[in-house]
Amino acid sequence: MTTLQTEVHKSTSGEVDKPTTPLVRKYTTHLPPEMVKWIKREAVERDVKDYQIVEEAIRELQFKVALGR
């Protein structure tokens, strides 16, 4: 679901340097089929990637947990 993105620095000569540290780390988990279907449908409706839907949900959960629910 999550893709690996890396920073690439471009020099003034137009050459691309080697990638530095990843911005995100790929992570895999198991979800019920109906949840995967909902995530994919929601992503299409919002015109975003499926991992963005999952990331948003996890961030909201983190916020709620930090507030003590």
PDB file of N, CA and C in Angstrom:
ATOM      1  N   MET A   1       0.802  -1.186   0.000  1.00  0.00           N
ATOM      2  CA  MET A   1       0.000   0.000   0.000  1.00  0.00           C
ATOM      3  C   MET A   1       0.853   1.261   0.000  1.00  0.00           C
ATOM      4  N   THR A   2       1.841   1.305   0.848  1.00  0.00           N
ATOM      5  CA  THR A   2       2.681   2.471   0.946  1.00  0.00           C
ATOM      6  C   THR A   2       3.836   2.347  -0.021  1.00  0.00           C
ATOM      7  N   THR A   3       4.165   3.430  -0.677  1.00  0.00           N
ATOM      8  CA  THR A   3       5.283   3.401  -1.604  1.00  0.00           C
ATOM      9  C   THR A   3       6.487   4.073  -0.977  1.00  0.00           C
ATOM     10  N   LEU A   4       7.638   3.722  -1.466  1.00  0.00           N
ATOM     11  CA  LEU A   4       8.877   4.282  -0.968  1.00  0.00           C
ATOM     12  C   LEU A   4       9.214   5.515  -1.772  1.00  0.00           C
ATOM     13  N   GLN A   5       9.390   6.630  -1.103  1.00  0.00           N
ATOM     14  CA  GLN A   5       9.784   7.865  -1.760  1.00  0.00           C
ATOM     15  C   GLN A   5      11.153   8.250  -1.232  1.00  0.00           C
ATOM     16  N   THR A   6      12.021   8.707  -2.109  1.00  0.00           N
ATOM     17  CA  THR A   6      13.335   9.144  -1.670  1.00  0.00           C
ATOM     18  C   THR A   6      13.588  10.560  -2.152  1.00  0.00           C
ATOM     19  N   GLU A   7      14.396  11.254  -1.382  1.00  0.00           N
ATOM     20  CA  GLU A   7      14.797  12.594  -1.778  1.00  0.00           C
ATOM     21  C   GLU A   7      15.921  12.467  -2.789  1.00  0.00           C
ATOM     22  N   VAL A   8      15.872  13.265  -3.835  1.00  0.00           N
ATOM     23  CA  VAL A   8      16.950  13.291  -4.806  1.00  0.00           C
ATOM     24  C   VAL A   8      17.380  14.739  -4.931  1.00  0.00           C
ATOM     25  N   HIS A   9      18.674  14.964  -4.779  1.00  0.00           N
ATOM     26  CA  HIS A   9      19.201  16.318  -4.875  1.00  0.00           C
ATOM     27  C   HIS A   9      19.797  16.514  -6.255  1.00  0.00           C
ATOM     28  N   LYS A  10      19.447  17.629  -6.883  1.00  0.00           N
ATOM     29  CA  LYS A  10      19.913  17.921  -8.221  1.00  0.00           C
ATOM     30  C   LYS A  10      21.006  18.982  -8.120  1.00  0.00           C
ATOM     31  N   SER A  11      22.131  18.721  -8.744  1.00  0.00           N
ATOM     32  CA  SER A  11      23.204  19.707  -8.722  1.00  0.00           C
ATOM     33  C   SER A  11      22.950  20.759  -9.791  1.00  0.00           C
ATOM     34  N   THR A  12      23.694  21.835  -9.756  1.00  0.00           N
ATOM     35  CA  THR A  12      23.501  22.906 -10.724  1.00  0.00           C
ATOM     36  C   THR A  12      23.891  22.481 -12.132  1.00  0.00           C
ATOM     37  N   SER A  13      24.667  21.421 -12.259  1.00  0.00           N
ATOM     38  CA  SER A  13      25.063  20.952 -13.585  1.00  0.00           C
ATOM     39  C   SER A  13      23.965  20.128 -14.240  1.00  0.00           C
ATOM     40  N   GLY A  14      22.882  19.872 -13.516  1.00  0.00           N
ATOM     41  CA  GLY A  14      21.788  19.089 -14.063  1.00  0.00           C
ATOM     42  C   GLY A  14      21.896  17.608 -13.753  1.00  0.00           C
ATOM     43  N   GLU A  15      22.986  17.192 -13.123  1.00  0.00           N
ATOM     44  CA  GLU A  15      23.150  15.791 -12.758  1.00  0.00           C
ATOM     45  C   GLU A  15      22.374  15.504 -11.481  1.00  0.00           C
ATOM     46  N   VAL A  16      21.899  14.285 -11.357  1.00  0.00           N
ATOM     47  CA  VAL A  16      21.159  13.893 -10.164  1.00  0.00           C
ATOM     48  C   VAL A  16      22.093  13.112  -9.255  1.00  0.00           C
ATOM     49  N   ASP A  17      22.166  13.550  -7.994  1.00  0.00           N
ATOM     50  CA  ASP A  17      22.994  12.853  -7.007  1.00  0.00           C
ATOM     51  C   ASP A  17      22.286  11.585  -6.561  1.00  0.00           C
ATOM     52  N   LYS A  18      22.980  10.750  -5.806  1.00  0.00           N
ATOM     53  CA  LYS A  18      22.388   9.525  -5.270  1.00  0.00           C
ATOM     54  C   LYS A  18      21.271   9.873  -4.291  1.00  0.00           C
ATOM     55  N   PRO A  19      20.223   9.032  -4.236  1.00  0.00           N
ATOM     56  CA  PRO A  19      19.134   9.286  -3.276  1.00  0.00           C
ATOM     57  C   PRO A  19      19.650   9.290  -1.838  1.00  0.00           C
ATOM     58  N   THR A  20      19.030  10.108  -1.017  1.00  0.00           N
ATOM     59  CA  THR A  20      19.389  10.150   0.402  1.00  0.00           C
ATOM     60  C   THR A  20      18.404   9.289   1.172  1.00  0.00           C
ATOM     61  N   THR A  21      18.138   9.618   2.396  1.00  0.00           N
ATOM     62  CA  THR A  21      17.268   8.789   3.237  1.00  0.00           C
ATOM     63  C   THR A  21      15.824   8.785   2.725  1.00  0.00           C
ATOM     64  N   PRO A  22      15.130   7.672   2.884  1.00  0.00           N
ATOM     65  CA  PRO A  22      13.730   7.607   2.444  1.00  0.00           C
ATOM     66  C   PRO A  22      12.839   8.537   3.255  1.00  0.00           C
ATOM     67  N   LEU A  23      11.848   9.136   2.593  1.00  0.00           N
ATOM     68  CA  LEU A  23      10.881   9.994   3.279  1.00  0.00           C
ATOM     69  C   LEU A  23       9.843   9.150   4.002  1.00  0.00           C
ATOM     70  N   VAL A  24       9.548   7.998   3.444  1.00  0.00           N
ATOM     71  CA  VAL A  24       8.604   7.066   4.065  1.00  0.00           C
ATOM     72  C   VAL A  24       9.179   5.664   3.963  1.00  0.00           C
ATOM     73  N   ARG A  25       8.703   4.800   4.808  1.00  0.00           N
ATOM     74  CA  ARG A  25       9.146   3.413   4.809  1.00  0.00           C
ATOM     75  C   ARG A  25       7.970   2.521   4.442  1.00  0.00           C
ATOM     76  N   LYS A  26       8.203   1.577   3.550  1.00  0.00           N
ATOM     77  CA  LYS A  26       7.139   0.667   3.147  1.00  0.00           C
ATOM     78  C   LYS A  26       6.774  -0.235   4.317  1.00  0.00           C
ATOM     79  N   TYR A  27       5.469  -0.419   4.510  1.00  0.00           N
ATOM     80  CA  TYR A  27       4.965  -1.226   5.606  1.00  0.00           C
ATOM     81  C   TYR A  27       3.771  -2.013   5.088  1.00  0.00           C
ATOM     82  N   THR A  28       3.723  -3.271   5.405  1.00  0.00           N
ATOM     83  CA  THR A  28       2.637  -4.124   4.944  1.00  0.00           C
ATOM     84  C   THR A  28       1.880  -4.670   6.141  1.00  0.00           C
ATOM     85  N   THR A  29       0.567  -4.774   6.000  1.00  0.00           N
ATOM     86  CA  THR A  29      -0.264  -5.351   7.044  1.00  0.00           C
ATOM     87  C   THR A  29      -1.414  -6.113   6.391  1.00  0.00           C
ATOM     88  N   HIS A  30      -2.149  -6.824   7.178  1.00  0.00           N
ATOM     89  CA  HIS A  30      -3.287  -7.590   6.672  1.00  0.00           C
ATOM     90  C   HIS A  30      -4.574  -6.924   7.135  1.00  0.00           C
ATOM     91  N   LEU A  31      -5.508  -6.753   6.190  1.00  0.00           N
ATOM     92  CA  LEU A  31      -6.804  -6.150   6.488  1.00  0.00           C
ATOM     93  C   LEU A  31      -7.899  -7.023   5.893  1.00  0.00           C
ATOM     94  N   PRO A  32      -9.081  -6.974   6.477  1.00  0.00           N
ATOM     95  CA  PRO A  32     -10.199  -7.728   5.901  1.00  0.00           C
ATOM     96  C   PRO A  32     -10.495  -7.221   4.480  1.00  0.00           C
ATOM     97  N   PRO A  33     -10.923  -8.105   3.595  1.00  0.00           N
ATOM     98  CA  PRO A  33     -11.200  -7.712   2.203  1.00  0.00           C
ATOM     99  C   PRO A  33     -12.160  -6.530   2.066  1.00  0.00           C
ATOM    100  N   GLU A  34     -13.188  -6.475   2.915  1.00  0.00           N
ATOM    101  CA  GLU A  34     -14.141  -5.371   2.800  1.00  0.00           C
ATOM    102  C   GLU A  34     -13.504  -4.029   3.158  1.00  0.00           C
ATOM    103  N   MET A  35     -12.515  -4.046   4.052  1.00  0.00           N
ATOM    104  CA  MET A  35     -11.816  -2.819   4.416  1.00  0.00           C
ATOM    105  C   MET A  35     -10.907  -2.364   3.272  1.00  0.00           C
ATOM    106  N   VAL A  36     -10.234  -3.305   2.658  1.00  0.00           N
ATOM    107  CA  VAL A  36      -9.376  -2.984   1.507  1.00  0.00           C
ATOM    108  C   VAL A  36     -10.225  -2.400   0.380  1.00  0.00           C
ATOM    109  N   LYS A  37     -11.377  -2.995   0.147  1.00  0.00           N
ATOM    110  CA  LYS A  37     -12.290  -2.512  -0.889  1.00  0.00           C
ATOM    111  C   LYS A  37     -12.731  -1.087  -0.588  1.00  0.00           C
ATOM    112  N   TRP A  38     -13.058  -0.810   0.683  1.00  0.00           N
ATOM    113  CA  TRP A  38     -13.483   0.538   1.079  1.00  0.00           C
ATOM    114  C   TRP A  38     -12.349   1.538   0.873  1.00  0.00           C
ATOM    115  N   ILE A  39     -11.136   1.166   1.272  1.00  0.00           N
ATOM    116  CA  ILE A  39      -9.971   2.048   1.118  1.00  0.00           C
ATOM    117  C   ILE A  39      -9.761   2.387  -0.348  1.00  0.00           C
ATOM    118  N   LYS A  40      -9.801   1.387  -1.202  1.00  0.00           N
ATOM    119  CA  LYS A  40      -9.602   1.613  -2.641  1.00  0.00           C
ATOM    120  C   LYS A  40     -10.706   2.485  -3.225  1.00  0.00           C
ATOM    121  N   ARG A  41     -11.959   2.221  -2.842  1.00  0.00           N
ATOM    122  CA  ARG A  41     -13.079   3.012  -3.343  1.00  0.00           C
ATOM    123  C   ARG A  41     -12.958   4.463  -2.876  1.00  0.00           C
ATOM    124  N   GLU A  42     -12.629   4.648  -1.617  1.00  0.00           N
ATOM    125  CA  GLU A  42     -12.473   5.996  -1.055  1.00  0.00           C
ATOM    126  C   GLU A  42     -11.351   6.745  -1.769  1.00  0.00           C
ATOM    127  N   ALA A  43     -10.276   6.059  -2.062  1.00  0.00           N
ATOM    128  CA  ALA A  43      -9.150   6.679  -2.768  1.00  0.00           C
ATOM    129  C   ALA A  43      -9.560   7.142  -4.168  1.00  0.00           C
ATOM    130  N   VAL A  44     -10.322   6.311  -4.859  1.00  0.00           N
ATOM    131  CA  VAL A  44     -10.791   6.683  -6.199  1.00  0.00           C
ATOM    132  C   VAL A  44     -11.720   7.894  -6.121  1.00  0.00           C
ATOM    133  N   GLU A  45     -12.640   7.866  -5.163  1.00  0.00           N
ATOM    134  CA  GLU A  45     -13.583   8.978  -5.022  1.00  0.00           C
ATOM    135  C   GLU A  45     -12.889  10.292  -4.694  1.00  0.00           C
ATOM    136  N   ARG A  46     -11.821  10.224  -3.905  1.00  0.00           N
ATOM    137  CA  ARG A  46     -11.084  11.443  -3.525  1.00  0.00           C
ATOM    138  C   ARG A  46      -9.950  11.777  -4.486  1.00  0.00           C
ATOM    139  N   ASP A  47      -9.697  10.883  -5.437  1.00  0.00           N
ATOM    140  CA  ASP A  47      -8.619  11.050  -6.412  1.00  0.00           C
ATOM    141  C   ASP A  47      -7.252  11.155  -5.713  1.00  0.00           C
ATOM    142  N   VAL A  48      -7.016  10.211  -4.796  1.00  0.00           N
ATOM    143  CA  VAL A  48      -5.736  10.122  -4.093  1.00  0.00           C
ATOM    144  C   VAL A  48      -5.284   8.667  -4.112  1.00  0.00           C
ATOM    145  N   LYS A  49      -4.094   8.405  -3.622  1.00  0.00           N
ATOM    146  CA  LYS A  49      -3.570   7.045  -3.526  1.00  0.00           C
ATOM    147  C   LYS A  49      -4.168   6.347  -2.303  1.00  0.00           C
ATOM    148  N   ASP A  50      -4.285   5.040  -2.372  1.00  0.00           N
ATOM    149  CA  ASP A  50      -4.873   4.288  -1.263  1.00  0.00           C
ATOM    150  C   ASP A  50      -4.087   4.455   0.027  1.00  0.00           C
ATOM    151  N   TYR A  51      -2.766   4.535  -0.075  1.00  0.00           N
ATOM    152  CA  TYR A  51      -1.968   4.698   1.144  1.00  0.00           C
ATOM    153  C   TYR A  51      -2.229   6.031   1.823  1.00  0.00           C
ATOM    154  N   GLN A  52      -2.692   7.025   1.075  1.00  0.00           N
ATOM    155  CA  GLN A  52      -3.009   8.317   1.677  1.00  0.00           C
ATOM    156  C   GLN A  52      -4.257   8.203   2.560  1.00  0.00           C
ATOM    157  N   ILE A  53      -5.198   7.355   2.163  1.00  0.00           N
ATOM    158  CA  ILE A  53      -6.393   7.122   2.969  1.00  0.00           C
ATOM    159  C   ILE A  53      -5.994   6.449   4.287  1.00  0.00           C
ATOM    160  N   VAL A  54      -5.141   5.445   4.192  1.00  0.00           N
ATOM    161  CA  VAL A  54      -4.687   4.718   5.388  1.00  0.00           C
ATOM    162  C   VAL A  54      -3.880   5.652   6.292  1.00  0.00           C
ATOM    163  N   GLU A  55      -2.994   6.444   5.702  1.00  0.00           N
ATOM    164  CA  GLU A  55      -2.182   7.376   6.496  1.00  0.00           C
ATOM    165  C   GLU A  55      -3.066   8.377   7.235  1.00  0.00           C
ATOM    166  N   GLU A  56      -4.070   8.903   6.560  1.00  0.00           N
ATOM    167  CA  GLU A  56      -4.978   9.856   7.194  1.00  0.00           C
ATOM    168  C   GLU A  56      -5.700   9.218   8.382  1.00  0.00           C
ATOM    169  N   ALA A  57      -6.169   7.992   8.197  1.00  0.00           N
ATOM    170  CA  ALA A  57      -6.882   7.299   9.273  1.00  0.00           C
ATOM    171  C   ALA A  57      -5.975   7.055  10.475  1.00  0.00           C
ATOM    172  N   ILE A  58      -4.745   6.667  10.220  1.00  0.00           N
ATOM    173  CA  ILE A  58      -3.807   6.402  11.315  1.00  0.00           C
ATOM    174  C   ILE A  58      -3.449   7.696  12.031  1.00  0.00           C
ATOM    175  N   ARG A  59      -3.260   8.773  11.277  1.00  0.00           N
ATOM    176  CA  ARG A  59      -2.949  10.065  11.915  1.00  0.00           C
ATOM    177  C   ARG A  59      -4.112  10.529  12.802  1.00  0.00           C
ATOM    178  N   GLU A  60      -5.333  10.332  12.331  1.00  0.00           N
ATOM    179  CA  GLU A  60      -6.498  10.701  13.148  1.00  0.00           C
ATOM    180  C   GLU A  60      -6.546   9.870  14.429  1.00  0.00           C
ATOM    181  N   LEU A  61      -6.237   8.588  14.316  1.00  0.00           N
ATOM    182  CA  LEU A  61      -6.203   7.724  15.495  1.00  0.00           C
ATOM    183  C   LEU A  61      -5.108   8.169  16.461  1.00  0.00           C
ATOM    184  N   GLN A  62      -3.932   8.507  15.936  1.00  0.00           N
ATOM    185  CA  GLN A  62      -2.841   8.997  16.787  1.00  0.00           C
ATOM    186  C   GLN A  62      -3.273  10.241  17.551  1.00  0.00           C
ATOM    187  N   PHE A  63      -3.961  11.142  16.866  1.00  0.00           N
ATOM    188  CA  PHE A  63      -4.428  12.376  17.488  1.00  0.00           C
ATOM    189  C   PHE A  63      -5.400  12.076  18.622  1.00  0.00           C
ATOM    190  N   LYS A  64      -6.358  11.171  18.372  1.00  0.00           N
ATOM    191  CA  LYS A  64      -7.341  10.807  19.381  1.00  0.00           C
ATOM    192  C   LYS A  64      -6.675  10.158  20.590  1.00  0.00           C
ATOM    193  N   VAL A  65      -5.705   9.292  20.341  1.00  0.00           N
ATOM    194  CA  VAL A  65      -4.995   8.616  21.442  1.00  0.00           C
ATOM    195  C   VAL A  65      -4.200   9.642  22.235  1.00  0.00           C
ATOM    196  N   ALA A  66      -3.570  10.595  21.552  1.00  0.00           N
ATOM    197  CA  ALA A  66      -2.786  11.622  22.240  1.00  0.00           C
ATOM    198  C   ALA A  66      -3.672  12.490  23.132  1.00  0.00           C
ATOM    199  N   LEU A  67      -4.922  12.687  22.734  1.00  0.00           N
ATOM    200  CA  LEU A  67      -5.854  13.496  23.527  1.00  0.00           C
ATOM    201  C   LEU A  67      -6.480  12.680  24.665  1.00  0.00           C
ATOM    202  N   GLY A  68      -6.194  11.410  24.690  1.00  0.00           N
ATOM    203  CA  GLY A  68      -6.765  10.571  25.728  1.00  0.00           C
ATOM    204  C   GLY A  68      -8.171  10.119  25.402  1.00  0.00           C
ATOM    205  N   ARG A  69      -8.541  10.237  24.137  1.00  0.00           N
ATOM    206  CA  ARG A  69      -9.868   9.849  23.614  1.00  0.00           C
ATOM    207  C   ARG A  69     -10.861  10.764  24.175  1.00  0.00           C
TER     208      ARG A  69
END
